[in-house]
């Protein structure tokens, strides 16, 4: 029982770590797309 609870806790921490890394990756991707849109918009403003 204690071991299972420790496993669940370790899984939770691993999942939280995965979610955090995923969120950072997604933010980076969205920023890159925003930069691309901004560059295209600047070109269109010419």
ModelCIF file with pLDDT and N, C-alpha, C, O atoms, coordinates in Angstrom:
data_MODEL
#
_entry.id   MODEL 
#
_entity.id                         1 
_entity.type                       polymer 
_entity.pdbx_number_of_molecules   1 
#
_entity_poly.entity_id                      1 
_entity_poly.type                           'polypeptide(L)' 
_entity_poly.nstd_linkage                   no 
_entity_poly.nstd_monomer                   no 
_entity_poly.pdbx_seq_one_letter_code       
;(UNK)(UNK)(UNK)(UNK)(UNK)(UNK)(UNK)(UNK)(UNK)(UNK)(UNK)(UNK)(UNK)(UNK)(UNK)(UNK)
(UNK)(UNK)(UNK)(UNK)(UNK)(UNK)(UNK)(UNK)(UNK)(UNK)(UNK)(UNK)(UNK)(UNK)(UNK)(UNK)
(UNK)(UNK)(UNK)(UNK)(UNK)(UNK)(UNK)(UNK)(UNK)(UNK)(UNK)(UNK)(UNK)(UNK)
;
_entity_poly.pdbx_seq_one_letter_code_can   XXXXXXXXXXXXXXXXXXXXXXXXXXXXXXXXXXXXXXXXXXXXXX 
_entity_poly.pdbx_strand_id                 A 
#
loop_
_entity_poly_seq.entity_id 
_entity_poly_seq.num 
_entity_poly_seq.mon_id 
_entity_poly_seq.hetero 
1 1  UNK n 
1 2  UNK n 
1 3  UNK n 
1 4  UNK n 
1 5  UNK n 
1 6  UNK n 
1 7  UNK n 
1 8  UNK n 
1 9  UNK n 
1 10 UNK n 
1 11 UNK n 
1 12 UNK n 
1 13 UNK n 
1 14 UNK n 
1 15 UNK n 
1 16 UNK n 
1 17 UNK n 
1 18 UNK n 
1 19 UNK n 
1 20 UNK n 
1 21 UNK n 
1 22 UNK n 
1 23 UNK n 
1 24 UNK n 
1 25 UNK n 
1 26 UNK n 
1 27 UNK n 
1 28 UNK n 
1 29 UNK n 
1 30 UNK n 
1 31 UNK n 
1 32 UNK n 
1 33 UNK n 
1 34 UNK n 
1 35 UNK n 
1 36 UNK n 
1 37 UNK n 
1 38 UNK n 
1 39 UNK n 
1 40 UNK n 
1 41 UNK n 
1 42 UNK n 
1 43 UNK n 
1 44 UNK n 
1 45 UNK n 
1 46 UNK n 
#
_struct_asym.id          A 
_struct_asym.entity_id   1 
#
loop_
_ma_qa_metric.id 
_ma_qa_metric.mode 
_ma_qa_metric.name 
_ma_qa_metric.software_group_id 
_ma_qa_metric.type 
1 global pLDDT . pLDDT 
2 local  pLDDT . pLDDT 
#
_ma_qa_metric_global.metric_id      1 
_ma_qa_metric_global.metric_value   80.30 
_ma_qa_metric_global.model_id       1 
_ma_qa_metric_global.ordinal_id     1 
#
loop_
_ma_qa_metric_local.label_asym_id 
_ma_qa_metric_local.label_comp_id 
_ma_qa_metric_local.label_seq_id 
_ma_qa_metric_local.metric_id 
_ma_qa_metric_local.metric_value 
_ma_qa_metric_local.model_id 
_ma_qa_metric_local.ordinal_id 
A UNK 1  2 63.00 1 1  
A UNK 2  2 71.00 1 2  
A UNK 3  2 68.00 1 3  
A UNK 4  2 68.00 1 4  
A UNK 5  2 69.00 1 5  
A UNK 6  2 72.00 1 6  
A UNK 7  2 69.00 1 7  
A UNK 8  2 70.00 1 8  
A UNK 9  2 75.00 1 9  
A UNK 10 2 73.00 1 10 
A UNK 11 2 72.00 1 11 
A UNK 12 2 74.00 1 12 
A UNK 13 2 78.00 1 13 
A UNK 14 2 74.00 1 14 
A UNK 15 2 73.00 1 15 
A UNK 16 2 79.00 1 16 
A UNK 17 2 78.00 1 17 
A UNK 18 2 77.00 1 18 
A UNK 19 2 78.00 1 19 
A UNK 20 2 81.00 1 20 
A UNK 21 2 80.00 1 21 
A UNK 22 2 77.00 1 22 
A UNK 23 2 83.00 1 23 
A UNK 24 2 84.00 1 24 
A UNK 25 2 83.00 1 25 
A UNK 26 2 83.00 1 26 
A UNK 27 2 86.00 1 27 
A UNK 28 2 84.00 1 28 
A UNK 29 2 84.00 1 29 
A UNK 30 2 85.00 1 30 
A UNK 31 2 88.00 1 31 
A UNK 32 2 87.00 1 32 
A UNK 33 2 85.00 1 33 
A UNK 34 2 88.00 1 34 
A UNK 35 2 89.00 1 35 
A UNK 36 2 88.00 1 36 
A UNK 37 2 87.00 1 37 
A UNK 38 2 90.00 1 38 
A UNK 39 2 89.00 1 39 
A UNK 40 2 87.00 1 40 
A UNK 41 2 89.00 1 41 
A UNK 42 2 89.00 1 42 
A UNK 43 2 88.00 1 43 
A UNK 44 2 86.00 1 44 
A UNK 45 2 89.00 1 45 
A UNK 46 2 84.00 1 46 
#
loop_
_atom_site.group_PDB 
_atom_site.id 
_atom_site.type_symbol 
_atom_site.label_atom_id 
_atom_site.label_alt_id 
_atom_site.label_comp_id 
_atom_site.label_asym_id 
_atom_site.label_entity_id 
_atom_site.label_seq_id 
_atom_site.pdbx_PDB_ins_code 
_atom_site.Cartn_x 
_atom_site.Cartn_y 
_atom_site.Cartn_z 
_atom_site.occupancy 
_atom_site.B_iso_or_equiv 
_atom_site.pdbx_formal_charge 
_atom_site.auth_seq_id 
_atom_site.auth_comp_id 
_atom_site.auth_asym_id 
_atom_site.auth_atom_id 
_atom_site.pdbx_PDB_model_num 
ATOM 1   N N  . UNK A 1 1  ? 0.836 -1.202 0.000   1.00 63.00 ? 1  UNK A N  1 
ATOM 2   C CA . UNK A 1 1  ? 0.000 0.000  0.000   1.00 63.00 ? 1  UNK A CA 1 
ATOM 3   C C  . UNK A 1 1  ? 0.871 1.253  0.000   1.00 63.00 ? 1  UNK A C  1 
ATOM 4   O O  . UNK A 1 1  ? 0.647 2.169  -0.791  1.00 63.00 ? 1  UNK A O  1 
ATOM 5   N N  . UNK A 1 2  ? 1.856 1.291  0.880   1.00 71.00 ? 2  UNK A N  1 
ATOM 6   C CA . UNK A 1 2  ? 2.767 2.443  0.921   1.00 71.00 ? 2  UNK A CA 1 
ATOM 7   C C  . UNK A 1 2  ? 3.549 2.561  -0.378  1.00 71.00 ? 2  UNK A C  1 
ATOM 8   O O  . UNK A 1 2  ? 3.745 3.653  -0.911  1.00 71.00 ? 2  UNK A O  1 
ATOM 9   N N  . UNK A 1 3  ? 3.991 1.411  -0.873  1.00 68.00 ? 3  UNK A N  1 
ATOM 10  C CA . UNK A 1 3  ? 4.749 1.404  -2.124  1.00 68.00 ? 3  UNK A CA 1 
ATOM 11  C C  . UNK A 1 3  ? 3.878 1.903  -3.275  1.00 68.00 ? 3  UNK A C  1 
ATOM 12  O O  . UNK A 1 3  ? 4.338 2.686  -4.105  1.00 68.00 ? 3  UNK A O  1 
ATOM 13  N N  . UNK A 1 4  ? 2.636 1.458  -3.328  1.00 68.00 ? 4  UNK A N  1 
ATOM 14  C CA . UNK A 1 4  ? 1.719 1.888  -4.390  1.00 68.00 ? 4  UNK A CA 1 
ATOM 15  C C  . UNK A 1 4  ? 1.475 3.387  -4.314  1.00 68.00 ? 4  UNK A C  1 
ATOM 16  O O  . UNK A 1 4  ? 1.423 4.067  -5.339  1.00 68.00 ? 4  UNK A O  1 
ATOM 17  N N  . UNK A 1 5  ? 1.326 3.898  -3.103  1.00 69.00 ? 5  UNK A N  1 
ATOM 18  C CA . UNK A 1 5  ? 1.134 5.343  -2.953  1.00 69.00 ? 5  UNK A CA 1 
ATOM 19  C C  . UNK A 1 5  ? 2.381 6.106  -3.404  1.00 69.00 ? 5  UNK A C  1 
ATOM 20  O O  . UNK A 1 5  ? 2.271 7.171  -4.012  1.00 69.00 ? 5  UNK A O  1 
ATOM 21  N N  . UNK A 1 6  ? 3.558 5.568  -3.109  1.00 72.00 ? 6  UNK A N  1 
ATOM 22  C CA . UNK A 1 6  ? 4.795 6.189  -3.588  1.00 72.00 ? 6  UNK A CA 1 
ATOM 23  C C  . UNK A 1 6  ? 4.870 6.156  -5.105  1.00 72.00 ? 6  UNK A C  1 
ATOM 24  O O  . UNK A 1 6  ? 5.319 7.115  -5.734  1.00 72.00 ? 6  UNK A O  1 
ATOM 25  N N  . UNK A 1 7  ? 4.430 5.051  -5.688  1.00 69.00 ? 7  UNK A N  1 
ATOM 26  C CA . UNK A 1 7  ? 4.420 4.943  -7.147  1.00 69.00 ? 7  UNK A CA 1 
ATOM 27  C C  . UNK A 1 7  ? 3.478 5.988  -7.735  1.00 69.00 ? 7  UNK A C  1 
ATOM 28  O O  . UNK A 1 7  ? 3.826 6.681  -8.691  1.00 69.00 ? 7  UNK A O  1 
ATOM 29  N N  . UNK A 1 8  ? 2.300 6.093  -7.166  1.00 70.00 ? 8  UNK A N  1 
ATOM 30  C CA . UNK A 1 8  ? 1.334 7.084  -7.659  1.00 70.00 ? 8  UNK A CA 1 
ATOM 31  C C  . UNK A 1 8  ? 1.922 8.490  -7.539  1.00 70.00 ? 8  UNK A C  1 
ATOM 32  O O  . UNK A 1 8  ? 1.759 9.313  -8.440  1.00 70.00 ? 8  UNK A O  1 
ATOM 33  N N  . UNK A 1 9  ? 2.603 8.762  -6.431  1.00 75.00 ? 9  UNK A N  1 
ATOM 34  C CA . UNK A 1 9  ? 3.235 10.065 -6.250  1.00 75.00 ? 9  UNK A CA 1 
ATOM 35  C C  . UNK A 1 9  ? 4.328 10.294 -7.298  1.00 75.00 ? 9  UNK A C  1 
ATOM 36  O O  . UNK A 1 9  ? 4.430 11.383 -7.863  1.00 75.00 ? 9  UNK A O  1 
ATOM 37  N N  . UNK A 1 10 ? 5.138 9.275  -7.555  1.00 73.00 ? 10 UNK A N  1 
ATOM 38  C CA . UNK A 1 10 ? 6.201 9.396  -8.564  1.00 73.00 ? 10 UNK A CA 1 
ATOM 39  C C  . UNK A 1 10 ? 5.602 9.602  -9.954  1.00 73.00 ? 10 UNK A C  1 
ATOM 40  O O  . UNK A 1 10 ? 6.120 10.391 -10.744 1.00 73.00 ? 10 UNK A O  1 
ATOM 41  N N  . UNK A 1 11 ? 4.520 8.897  -10.249 1.00 72.00 ? 11 UNK A N  1 
ATOM 42  C CA . UNK A 1 11 ? 3.846 9.067  -11.546 1.00 72.00 ? 11 UNK A CA 1 
ATOM 43  C C  . UNK A 1 11 ? 3.307 10.480 -11.658 1.00 72.00 ? 11 UNK A C  1 
ATOM 44  O O  . UNK A 1 11 ? 3.418 11.115 -12.707 1.00 72.00 ? 11 UNK A O  1 
ATOM 45  N N  . UNK A 1 12 ? 2.726 10.969 -10.582 1.00 74.00 ? 12 UNK A N  1 
ATOM 46  C CA . UNK A 1 12 ? 2.186 12.333 -10.583 1.00 74.00 ? 12 UNK A CA 1 
ATOM 47  C C  . UNK A 1 12 ? 3.294 13.346 -10.864 1.00 74.00 ? 12 UNK A C  1 
ATOM 48  O O  . UNK A 1 12 ? 3.122 14.254 -11.677 1.00 74.00 ? 12 UNK A O  1 
ATOM 49  N N  . UNK A 1 13 ? 4.430 13.187 -10.187 1.00 78.00 ? 13 UNK A N  1 
ATOM 50  C CA . UNK A 1 13 ? 5.551 14.107 -10.400 1.00 78.00 ? 13 UNK A CA 1 
ATOM 51  C C  . UNK A 1 13 ? 6.068 14.019 -11.821 1.00 78.00 ? 13 UNK A C  1 
ATOM 52  O O  . UNK A 1 13 ? 6.377 15.038 -12.438 1.00 78.00 ? 13 UNK A O  1 
ATOM 53  N N  . UNK A 1 14 ? 6.162 12.815 -12.338 1.00 74.00 ? 14 UNK A N  1 
ATOM 54  C CA . UNK A 1 14 ? 6.623 12.626 -13.717 1.00 74.00 ? 14 UNK A CA 1 
ATOM 55  C C  . UNK A 1 14 ? 5.651 13.279 -14.691 1.00 74.00 ? 14 UNK A C  1 
ATOM 56  O O  . UNK A 1 14 ? 6.065 13.934 -15.647 1.00 74.00 ? 14 UNK A O  1 
ATOM 57  N N  . UNK A 1 15 ? 4.368 13.097 -14.446 1.00 73.00 ? 15 UNK A N  1 
ATOM 58  C CA . UNK A 1 15 ? 3.341 13.697 -15.308 1.00 73.00 ? 15 UNK A CA 1 
ATOM 59  C C  . UNK A 1 15 ? 3.415 15.222 -15.241 1.00 73.00 ? 15 UNK A C  1 
ATOM 60  O O  . UNK A 1 15 ? 3.330 15.899 -16.265 1.00 73.00 ? 15 UNK A O  1 
ATOM 61  N N  . UNK A 1 16 ? 3.574 15.753 -14.034 1.00 79.00 ? 16 UNK A N  1 
ATOM 62  C CA . UNK A 1 16 ? 3.685 17.210 -13.888 1.00 79.00 ? 16 UNK A CA 1 
ATOM 63  C C  . UNK A 1 16 ? 4.917 17.739 -14.619 1.00 79.00 ? 16 UNK A C  1 
ATOM 64  O O  . UNK A 1 16 ? 4.867 18.802 -15.237 1.00 79.00 ? 16 UNK A O  1 
ATOM 65  N N  . UNK A 1 17 ? 6.012 17.001 -14.547 1.00 78.00 ? 17 UNK A N  1 
ATOM 66  C CA . UNK A 1 17 ? 7.229 17.398 -15.248 1.00 78.00 ? 17 UNK A CA 1 
ATOM 67  C C  . UNK A 1 17 ? 7.014 17.383 -16.758 1.00 78.00 ? 17 UNK A C  1 
ATOM 68  O O  . UNK A 1 17 ? 7.449 18.290 -17.467 1.00 78.00 ? 17 UNK A O  1 
ATOM 69  N N  . UNK A 1 18 ? 6.338 16.344 -17.239 1.00 77.00 ? 18 UNK A N  1 
ATOM 70  C CA . UNK A 1 18 ? 6.032 16.254 -18.671 1.00 77.00 ? 18 UNK A CA 1 
ATOM 71  C C  . UNK A 1 18 ? 5.150 17.415 -19.096 1.00 77.00 ? 18 UNK A C  1 
ATOM 72  O O  . UNK A 1 18 ? 5.384 18.030 -20.137 1.00 77.00 ? 18 UNK A O  1 
ATOM 73  N N  . UNK A 1 19 ? 4.136 17.717 -18.293 1.00 78.00 ? 19 UNK A N  1 
ATOM 74  C CA . UNK A 1 19 ? 3.238 18.822 -18.630 1.00 78.00 ? 19 UNK A CA 1 
ATOM 75  C C  . UNK A 1 19 ? 3.974 20.150 -18.641 1.00 78.00 ? 19 UNK A C  1 
ATOM 76  O O  . UNK A 1 19 ? 3.736 20.989 -19.510 1.00 78.00 ? 19 UNK A O  1 
ATOM 77  N N  . UNK A 1 20 ? 4.868 20.343 -17.679 1.00 81.00 ? 20 UNK A N  1 
ATOM 78  C CA . UNK A 1 20 ? 5.628 21.589 -17.617 1.00 81.00 ? 20 UNK A CA 1 
ATOM 79  C C  . UNK A 1 20 ? 6.520 21.741 -18.842 1.00 81.00 ? 20 UNK A C  1 
ATOM 80  O O  . UNK A 1 20 ? 6.553 22.801 -19.466 1.00 81.00 ? 20 UNK A O  1 
ATOM 81  N N  . UNK A 1 21 ? 7.245 20.672 -19.184 1.00 80.00 ? 21 UNK A N  1 
ATOM 82  C CA . UNK A 1 21 ? 8.116 20.715 -20.368 1.00 80.00 ? 21 UNK A CA 1 
ATOM 83  C C  . UNK A 1 21 ? 7.282 20.939 -21.623 1.00 80.00 ? 21 UNK A C  1 
ATOM 84  O O  . UNK A 1 21 ? 7.685 21.688 -22.514 1.00 80.00 ? 21 UNK A O  1 
ATOM 85  N N  . UNK A 1 22 ? 6.124 20.294 -21.695 1.00 77.00 ? 22 UNK A N  1 
ATOM 86  C CA . UNK A 1 22 ? 5.242 20.460 -22.843 1.00 77.00 ? 22 UNK A CA 1 
ATOM 87  C C  . UNK A 1 22 ? 4.751 21.899 -22.944 1.00 77.00 ? 22 UNK A C  1 
ATOM 88  O O  . UNK A 1 22 ? 4.697 22.467 -24.035 1.00 77.00 ? 22 UNK A O  1 
ATOM 89  N N  . UNK A 1 23 ? 4.394 22.484 -21.809 1.00 83.00 ? 23 UNK A N  1 
ATOM 90  C CA . UNK A 1 23 ? 3.906 23.864 -21.818 1.00 83.00 ? 23 UNK A CA 1 
ATOM 91  C C  . UNK A 1 23 ? 4.997 24.820 -22.308 1.00 83.00 ? 23 UNK A C  1 
ATOM 92  O O  . UNK A 1 23 ? 4.731 25.717 -23.109 1.00 83.00 ? 23 UNK A O  1 
ATOM 93  N N  . UNK A 1 24 ? 6.212 24.621 -21.826 1.00 84.00 ? 24 UNK A N  1 
ATOM 94  C CA . UNK A 1 24 ? 7.318 25.477 -22.266 1.00 84.00 ? 24 UNK A CA 1 
ATOM 95  C C  . UNK A 1 24 ? 7.553 25.324 -23.760 1.00 84.00 ? 24 UNK A C  1 
ATOM 96  O O  . UNK A 1 24 ? 7.788 26.308 -24.463 1.00 84.00 ? 24 UNK A O  1 
ATOM 97  N N  . UNK A 1 25 ? 7.491 24.097 -24.239 1.00 83.00 ? 25 UNK A N  1 
ATOM 98  C CA . UNK A 1 25 ? 7.677 23.841 -25.667 1.00 83.00 ? 25 UNK A CA 1 
ATOM 99  C C  . UNK A 1 25 ? 6.570 24.512 -26.475 1.00 83.00 ? 25 UNK A C  1 
ATOM 100 O O  . UNK A 1 25 ? 6.835 25.137 -27.502 1.00 83.00 ? 25 UNK A O  1 
ATOM 101 N N  . UNK A 1 26 ? 5.338 24.380 -26.010 1.00 83.00 ? 26 UNK A N  1 
ATOM 102 C CA . UNK A 1 26 ? 4.210 24.989 -26.714 1.00 83.00 ? 26 UNK A CA 1 
ATOM 103 C C  . UNK A 1 26 ? 4.336 26.512 -26.741 1.00 83.00 ? 26 UNK A C  1 
ATOM 104 O O  . UNK A 1 26 ? 4.060 27.146 -27.760 1.00 83.00 ? 26 UNK A O  1 
ATOM 105 N N  . UNK A 1 27 ? 4.752 27.092 -25.623 1.00 86.00 ? 27 UNK A N  1 
ATOM 106 C CA . UNK A 1 27 ? 4.928 28.548 -25.586 1.00 86.00 ? 27 UNK A CA 1 
ATOM 107 C C  . UNK A 1 27 ? 5.994 28.986 -26.587 1.00 86.00 ? 27 UNK A C  1 
ATOM 108 O O  . UNK A 1 27 ? 5.844 30.006 -27.259 1.00 86.00 ? 27 UNK A O  1 
ATOM 109 N N  . UNK A 1 28 ? 7.061 28.213 -26.679 1.00 84.00 ? 28 UNK A N  1 
ATOM 110 C CA . UNK A 1 28 ? 8.129 28.527 -27.621 1.00 84.00 ? 28 UNK A CA 1 
ATOM 111 C C  . UNK A 1 28 ? 7.602 28.460 -29.066 1.00 84.00 ? 28 UNK A C  1 
ATOM 112 O O  . UNK A 1 28 ? 7.885 29.340 -29.879 1.00 84.00 ? 28 UNK A O  1 
ATOM 113 N N  . UNK A 1 29 ? 6.852 27.429 -29.362 1.00 84.00 ? 29 UNK A N  1 
ATOM 114 C CA . UNK A 1 29 ? 6.282 27.273 -30.710 1.00 84.00 ? 29 UNK A CA 1 
ATOM 115 C C  . UNK A 1 29 ? 5.335 28.427 -31.019 1.00 84.00 ? 29 UNK A C  1 
ATOM 116 O O  . UNK A 1 29 ? 5.400 29.009 -32.101 1.00 84.00 ? 29 UNK A O  1 
ATOM 117 N N  . UNK A 1 30 ? 4.464 28.757 -30.087 1.00 85.00 ? 30 UNK A N  1 
ATOM 118 C CA . UNK A 1 30 ? 3.508 29.839 -30.329 1.00 85.00 ? 30 UNK A CA 1 
ATOM 119 C C  . UNK A 1 30 ? 4.225 31.188 -30.503 1.00 85.00 ? 30 UNK A C  1 
ATOM 120 O O  . UNK A 1 30 ? 3.825 32.001 -31.336 1.00 85.00 ? 30 UNK A O  1 
ATOM 121 N N  . UNK A 1 31 ? 5.288 31.421 -29.715 1.00 88.00 ? 31 UNK A N  1 
ATOM 122 C CA . UNK A 1 31 ? 6.074 32.650 -29.891 1.00 88.00 ? 31 UNK A CA 1 
ATOM 123 C C  . UNK A 1 31 ? 6.713 32.694 -31.274 1.00 88.00 ? 31 UNK A C  1 
ATOM 124 O O  . UNK A 1 31 ? 6.723 33.737 -31.927 1.00 88.00 ? 31 UNK A O  1 
ATOM 125 N N  . UNK A 1 32 ? 7.248 31.550 -31.720 1.00 87.00 ? 32 UNK A N  1 
ATOM 126 C CA . UNK A 1 32 ? 7.876 31.494 -33.045 1.00 87.00 ? 32 UNK A CA 1 
ATOM 127 C C  . UNK A 1 32 ? 6.852 31.788 -34.146 1.00 87.00 ? 32 UNK A C  1 
ATOM 128 O O  . UNK A 1 32 ? 7.146 32.514 -35.096 1.00 87.00 ? 32 UNK A O  1 
ATOM 129 N N  . UNK A 1 33 ? 5.657 31.222 -34.012 1.00 85.00 ? 33 UNK A N  1 
ATOM 130 C CA . UNK A 1 33 ? 4.613 31.505 -34.998 1.00 85.00 ? 33 UNK A CA 1 
ATOM 131 C C  . UNK A 1 33 ? 4.196 32.980 -34.942 1.00 85.00 ? 33 UNK A C  1 
ATOM 132 O O  . UNK A 1 33 ? 3.943 33.598 -35.976 1.00 85.00 ? 33 UNK A O  1 
ATOM 133 N N  . UNK A 1 34 ? 4.127 33.536 -33.729 1.00 88.00 ? 34 UNK A N  1 
ATOM 134 C CA . UNK A 1 34 ? 3.775 34.953 -33.598 1.00 88.00 ? 34 UNK A CA 1 
ATOM 135 C C  . UNK A 1 34 ? 4.846 35.829 -34.245 1.00 88.00 ? 34 UNK A C  1 
ATOM 136 O O  . UNK A 1 34 ? 4.529 36.807 -34.921 1.00 88.00 ? 34 UNK A O  1 
ATOM 137 N N  . UNK A 1 35 ? 6.113 35.476 -34.036 1.00 89.00 ? 35 UNK A N  1 
ATOM 138 C CA . UNK A 1 35 ? 7.201 36.224 -34.675 1.00 89.00 ? 35 UNK A CA 1 
ATOM 139 C C  . UNK A 1 35 ? 7.079 36.156 -36.200 1.00 89.00 ? 35 UNK A C  1 
ATOM 140 O O  . UNK A 1 35 ? 7.290 37.153 -36.891 1.00 89.00 ? 35 UNK A O  1 
ATOM 141 N N  . UNK A 1 36 ? 6.741 34.984 -36.709 1.00 88.00 ? 36 UNK A N  1 
ATOM 142 C CA . UNK A 1 36 ? 6.559 34.831 -38.155 1.00 88.00 ? 36 UNK A CA 1 
ATOM 143 C C  . UNK A 1 36 ? 5.413 35.708 -38.654 1.00 88.00 ? 36 UNK A C  1 
ATOM 144 O O  . UNK A 1 36 ? 5.549 36.389 -39.671 1.00 88.00 ? 36 UNK A O  1 
ATOM 145 N N  . UNK A 1 37 ? 4.289 35.692 -37.944 1.00 87.00 ? 37 UNK A N  1 
ATOM 146 C CA . UNK A 1 37 ? 3.151 36.529 -38.347 1.00 87.00 ? 37 UNK A CA 1 
ATOM 147 C C  . UNK A 1 37 ? 3.513 38.014 -38.293 1.00 87.00 ? 37 UNK A C  1 
ATOM 148 O O  . UNK A 1 37 ? 3.142 38.787 -39.176 1.00 87.00 ? 37 UNK A O  1 
ATOM 149 N N  . UNK A 1 38 ? 4.247 38.403 -37.238 1.00 90.00 ? 38 UNK A N  1 
ATOM 150 C CA . UNK A 1 38 ? 4.674 39.807 -37.128 1.00 90.00 ? 38 UNK A CA 1 
ATOM 151 C C  . UNK A 1 38 ? 5.571 40.204 -38.297 1.00 90.00 ? 38 UNK A C  1 
ATOM 152 O O  . UNK A 1 38 ? 5.430 41.294 -38.852 1.00 90.00 ? 38 UNK A O  1 
ATOM 153 N N  . UNK A 1 39 ? 6.499 39.311 -38.670 1.00 89.00 ? 39 UNK A N  1 
ATOM 154 C CA . UNK A 1 39 ? 7.396 39.609 -39.796 1.00 89.00 ? 39 UNK A CA 1 
ATOM 155 C C  . UNK A 1 39 ? 6.602 39.735 -41.091 1.00 89.00 ? 39 UNK A C  1 
ATOM 156 O O  . UNK A 1 39 ? 6.858 40.630 -41.897 1.00 89.00 ? 39 UNK A O  1 
ATOM 157 N N  . UNK A 1 40 ? 5.638 38.838 -41.290 1.00 87.00 ? 40 UNK A N  1 
ATOM 158 C CA . UNK A 1 40 ? 4.816 38.909 -42.502 1.00 87.00 ? 40 UNK A CA 1 
ATOM 159 C C  . UNK A 1 40 ? 3.991 40.191 -42.494 1.00 87.00 ? 40 UNK A C  1 
ATOM 160 O O  . UNK A 1 40 ? 3.859 40.855 -43.522 1.00 87.00 ? 40 UNK A O  1 
ATOM 161 N N  . UNK A 1 41 ? 3.431 40.541 -41.321 1.00 89.00 ? 41 UNK A N  1 
ATOM 162 C CA . UNK A 1 41 ? 2.638 41.770 -41.210 1.00 89.00 ? 41 UNK A CA 1 
ATOM 163 C C  . UNK A 1 41 ? 3.500 42.999 -41.538 1.00 89.00 ? 41 UNK A C  1 
ATOM 164 O O  . UNK A 1 41 ? 3.055 43.909 -42.238 1.00 89.00 ? 41 UNK A O  1 
ATOM 165 N N  . UNK A 1 42 ? 4.727 43.012 -41.027 1.00 89.00 ? 42 UNK A N  1 
ATOM 166 C CA . UNK A 1 42 ? 5.635 44.126 -41.335 1.00 89.00 ? 42 UNK A CA 1 
ATOM 167 C C  . UNK A 1 42 ? 5.886 44.231 -42.838 1.00 89.00 ? 42 UNK A C  1 
ATOM 168 O O  . UNK A 1 42 ? 5.940 45.332 -43.386 1.00 89.00 ? 42 UNK A O  1 
ATOM 169 N N  . UNK A 1 43 ? 6.037 43.113 -43.487 1.00 88.00 ? 43 UNK A N  1 
ATOM 170 C CA . UNK A 1 43 ? 6.229 43.131 -44.939 1.00 88.00 ? 43 UNK A CA 1 
ATOM 171 C C  . UNK A 1 43 ? 4.979 43.648 -45.640 1.00 88.00 ? 43 UNK A C  1 
ATOM 172 O O  . UNK A 1 43 ? 5.063 44.411 -46.602 1.00 88.00 ? 43 UNK A O  1 
ATOM 173 N N  . UNK A 1 44 ? 3.811 43.219 -45.142 1.00 86.00 ? 44 UNK A N  1 
ATOM 174 C CA . UNK A 1 44 ? 2.552 43.665 -45.754 1.00 86.00 ? 44 UNK A CA 1 
ATOM 175 C C  . UNK A 1 44 ? 2.342 45.163 -45.576 1.00 86.00 ? 44 UNK A C  1 
ATOM 176 O O  . UNK A 1 44 ? 1.704 45.806 -46.410 1.00 86.00 ? 44 UNK A O  1 
ATOM 177 N N  . UNK A 1 45 ? 2.877 45.722 -44.491 1.00 89.00 ? 45 UNK A N  1 
ATOM 178 C CA . UNK A 1 45 ? 2.719 47.155 -44.229 1.00 89.00 ? 45 UNK A CA 1 
ATOM 179 C C  . UNK A 1 45 ? 3.550 48.020 -45.188 1.00 89.00 ? 45 UNK A C  1 
ATOM 180 O O  . UNK A 1 45 ? 3.337 49.229 -45.282 1.00 89.00 ? 45 UNK A O  1 
ATOM 181 N N  . UNK A 1 46 ? 4.478 47.404 -45.885 1.00 84.00 ? 46 UNK A N  1 
ATOM 182 C CA . UNK A 1 46 ? 5.280 48.157 -46.850 1.00 84.00 ? 46 UNK A CA 1 
ATOM 183 C C  . UNK A 1 46 ? 4.392 48.534 -48.029 1.00 84.00 ? 46 UNK A C  1 
ATOM 184 O O  . UNK A 1 46 ? 4.857 49.176 -48.971 1.00 84.00 ? 46 UNK A O  1 
#
